[in-house]
Every structure is written in structure tokens, then in C-alpha cells.
Amino acid sequence: MSTTGAQEDLAILYPGGVFPAACASRTLLDHVVSKWGVLVLVSLAERPHRWSELRRRAEGISEKMLAQTLKTLEADGLVHRDQQPVMPPRVDYSLTAAGQEVAALLTPLLAWVAVRTGDVAPNA
């Protein structure tokens, strides 16, 4: 296949881009596949979580990074933030329909990483 044919195939597969440096989809890709983004999305695929549950679940994440990750994923339309009008304040996080779609794609990837880590990165 020629280079031009391959480029045309990519244009059909990815009509919005992803490969051009200025493509806006790169920002979303960065948010979705960041270490913390993946862990938050897959955790929320199991069930809604409160902030403190997510912090315990994604061991090693700082409060600042969790807050930033949740805010970013919410702005991307992947996470829903539900603040309850109760005392003390209660906030639950869940996935939107788009968040459920991407989490369904990420879950097998995370499972593969868990199984293959020793084979691919023995020093990890």
C-alpha cells in the first residue's frame, strides 16, 4: 500500500484527526489515557464513588491530582459530579454515557497490563 493510501485509510478511520499535532482530540486522548485518568474511569465503571473512596482506590494519587483529574474528566463530559444538599456535604462521582463507553474500552487494557506486566516490564 502506498503512503498516500495509508494516509487516506487513517483519514477514514480517524476523520477528526488524532495524528496531526494541532488536533484537539489529542487533549482528550491525554486526559483519558493518563495514569490517573485510566484508574479513575475504570474505578467509576464498577460503581459511583465518593471522592475519598476514589482517593483510597487509586493509591498514590495526591488530593490535588485527584481533584484535577475529576475536574478535567467532568469538563470532558466523561464524569458526572452529583453534590447532595446535605450536611455534611456529600459528593458522588459516576460515569456519563460517554464515560461508560471509554471505560469499557480501558478495562480490557488495564486487565492486559495487570496480567502482562511481568512479561513486558520485569523491572516494574
Protein backbone atom coordinates (compact mmCIF):
# COMPACT_ATOMS: atom_id res chain seq x y z
CA MET A 1 0.00 0.00 0.00
CA SER A 2 1.31 3.46 -0.83
CA THR A 3 1.87 6.16 1.76
CA THR A 4 -0.98 8.16 0.26
CA GLY A 5 -3.29 5.13 0.52
CA ALA A 6 -2.32 4.61 4.16
CA GLN A 7 -2.99 8.28 4.93
CA GLU A 8 -6.40 8.03 3.27
CA ASP A 9 -7.20 4.93 5.36
CA LEU A 10 -6.24 6.82 8.53
CA ALA A 11 -8.42 9.74 7.46
CA ILE A 12 -11.36 7.34 7.13
CA LEU A 13 -10.66 5.64 10.48
CA TYR A 14 -9.98 8.90 12.30
CA PRO A 15 -11.95 11.62 10.48
CA GLY A 16 -11.24 14.14 13.26
CA GLY A 17 -7.53 13.52 13.15
CA VAL A 18 -5.52 12.35 16.21
CA PHE A 19 -2.21 12.22 14.41
CA PRO A 20 -1.82 15.92 13.49
CA ALA A 21 -0.06 17.83 16.29
CA ALA A 22 -2.74 20.54 16.38
CA CYS A 23 -5.65 18.07 16.58
CA ALA A 24 -7.96 18.84 19.51
CA SER A 25 -8.53 15.13 20.02
CA ARG A 26 -5.03 14.87 21.45
CA THR A 27 -6.16 16.78 24.53
CA LEU A 28 -8.98 14.33 25.17
CA LEU A 29 -6.66 11.40 24.48
CA ASP A 30 -4.22 12.78 27.05
CA HIS A 31 -6.96 13.07 29.67
CA VAL A 32 -8.36 9.60 29.04
CA VAL A 33 -5.09 7.66 28.92
CA SER A 34 -3.22 9.44 31.69
CA LYS A 35 -2.34 7.12 34.55
CA TRP A 36 -4.82 8.73 36.92
CA GLY A 37 -7.48 9.18 34.24
CA VAL A 38 -7.47 5.46 33.47
CA LEU A 39 -7.63 4.48 37.15
CA VAL A 40 -10.46 6.90 37.92
CA LEU A 41 -12.51 5.90 34.87
CA VAL A 42 -12.12 2.16 35.50
CA SER A 43 -12.94 2.61 39.20
CA LEU A 44 -16.10 4.51 38.33
CA ALA A 45 -17.05 1.80 35.84
CA GLU A 46 -17.60 -0.51 38.81
CA ARG A 47 -19.98 1.87 40.58
CA PRO A 48 -20.27 5.51 41.65
CA HIS A 49 -17.72 6.57 44.26
CA ARG A 50 -17.27 9.38 46.70
CA TRP A 51 -14.08 11.43 46.49
CA SER A 52 -12.49 9.71 49.49
CA GLU A 53 -13.25 6.27 48.04
CA LEU A 54 -11.53 7.21 44.79
CA ARG A 55 -8.53 8.51 46.71
CA ARG A 56 -8.17 5.21 48.59
CA ARG A 57 -8.78 3.18 45.42
CA ALA A 58 -6.11 4.93 43.33
CA GLU A 59 -3.29 4.54 45.83
CA GLY A 60 -0.60 7.16 45.50
CA ILE A 61 -2.74 9.88 43.95
CA SER A 62 -2.47 13.21 45.73
CA GLU A 63 -5.53 15.18 46.75
CA LYS A 64 -4.59 17.86 44.23
CA MET A 65 -4.16 15.37 41.37
CA LEU A 66 -7.45 13.60 42.14
CA ALA A 67 -9.31 16.90 42.24
CA GLN A 68 -7.68 17.98 38.96
CA THR A 69 -8.36 14.63 37.27
CA LEU A 70 -12.02 14.61 38.30
CA LYS A 71 -12.49 18.23 37.23
CA THR A 72 -10.87 17.53 33.85
CA LEU A 73 -12.88 14.36 33.20
CA GLU A 74 -16.06 16.19 34.23
CA ALA A 75 -15.26 19.05 31.82
CA ASP A 76 -14.67 16.44 29.08
CA GLY A 77 -18.16 15.05 29.71
CA LEU A 78 -16.95 11.66 30.99
CA VAL A 79 -17.64 12.04 34.71
CA HIS A 80 -20.76 13.32 36.44
CA ARG A 81 -20.43 15.12 39.78
CA ASP A 82 -23.50 14.88 42.00
CA GLN A 83 -23.39 17.18 45.02
CA GLN A 84 -26.04 16.31 47.61
CA PRO A 85 -27.57 19.22 49.58
CA VAL A 86 -26.95 17.59 52.96
CA MET A 87 -24.76 18.22 55.98
CA PRO A 88 -22.02 17.20 55.97
CA PRO A 89 -21.67 17.75 52.23
CA ARG A 90 -21.74 14.61 50.10
CA VAL A 91 -20.45 14.42 46.54
CA ASP A 92 -20.72 11.31 44.39
CA TYR A 93 -18.93 10.75 41.11
CA SER A 94 -20.23 8.50 38.35
CA LEU A 95 -19.67 7.99 34.65
CA THR A 96 -21.71 9.62 31.93
CA ALA A 97 -22.71 7.56 28.89
CA ALA A 98 -19.51 8.66 27.13
CA GLY A 99 -17.52 7.80 30.26
CA GLN A 100 -19.06 4.33 30.30
CA GLU A 101 -18.07 3.85 26.65
CA VAL A 102 -14.45 4.79 27.22
CA ALA A 103 -14.22 2.82 30.49
CA ALA A 104 -15.45 -0.27 28.63
CA LEU A 105 -12.51 0.19 26.26
CA LEU A 106 -9.99 0.86 29.03
CA THR A 107 -10.97 -2.06 31.28
CA PRO A 108 -9.53 -4.75 28.96
CA LEU A 109 -6.37 -2.66 28.55
CA LEU A 110 -5.93 -2.41 32.32
CA ALA A 111 -6.57 -6.16 32.66
CA TRP A 112 -3.92 -6.84 30.00
CA VAL A 113 -1.44 -4.60 31.82
CA ALA A 114 -2.11 -6.40 35.11
CA VAL A 115 -1.52 -9.82 33.56
CA ARG A 116 1.43 -8.92 31.32
CA THR A 117 3.44 -6.54 33.49
CA GLY A 118 5.96 -9.22 34.48
CA ASP A 119 6.47 -10.27 30.87
CA VAL A 120 6.73 -6.83 29.33
CA ALA A 121 8.33 -4.81 32.13
CA PRO A 122 10.05 -7.23 34.52
CA ASN A 123 11.64 -4.36 36.47
CA ALA A 124 8.34 -2.52 37.01
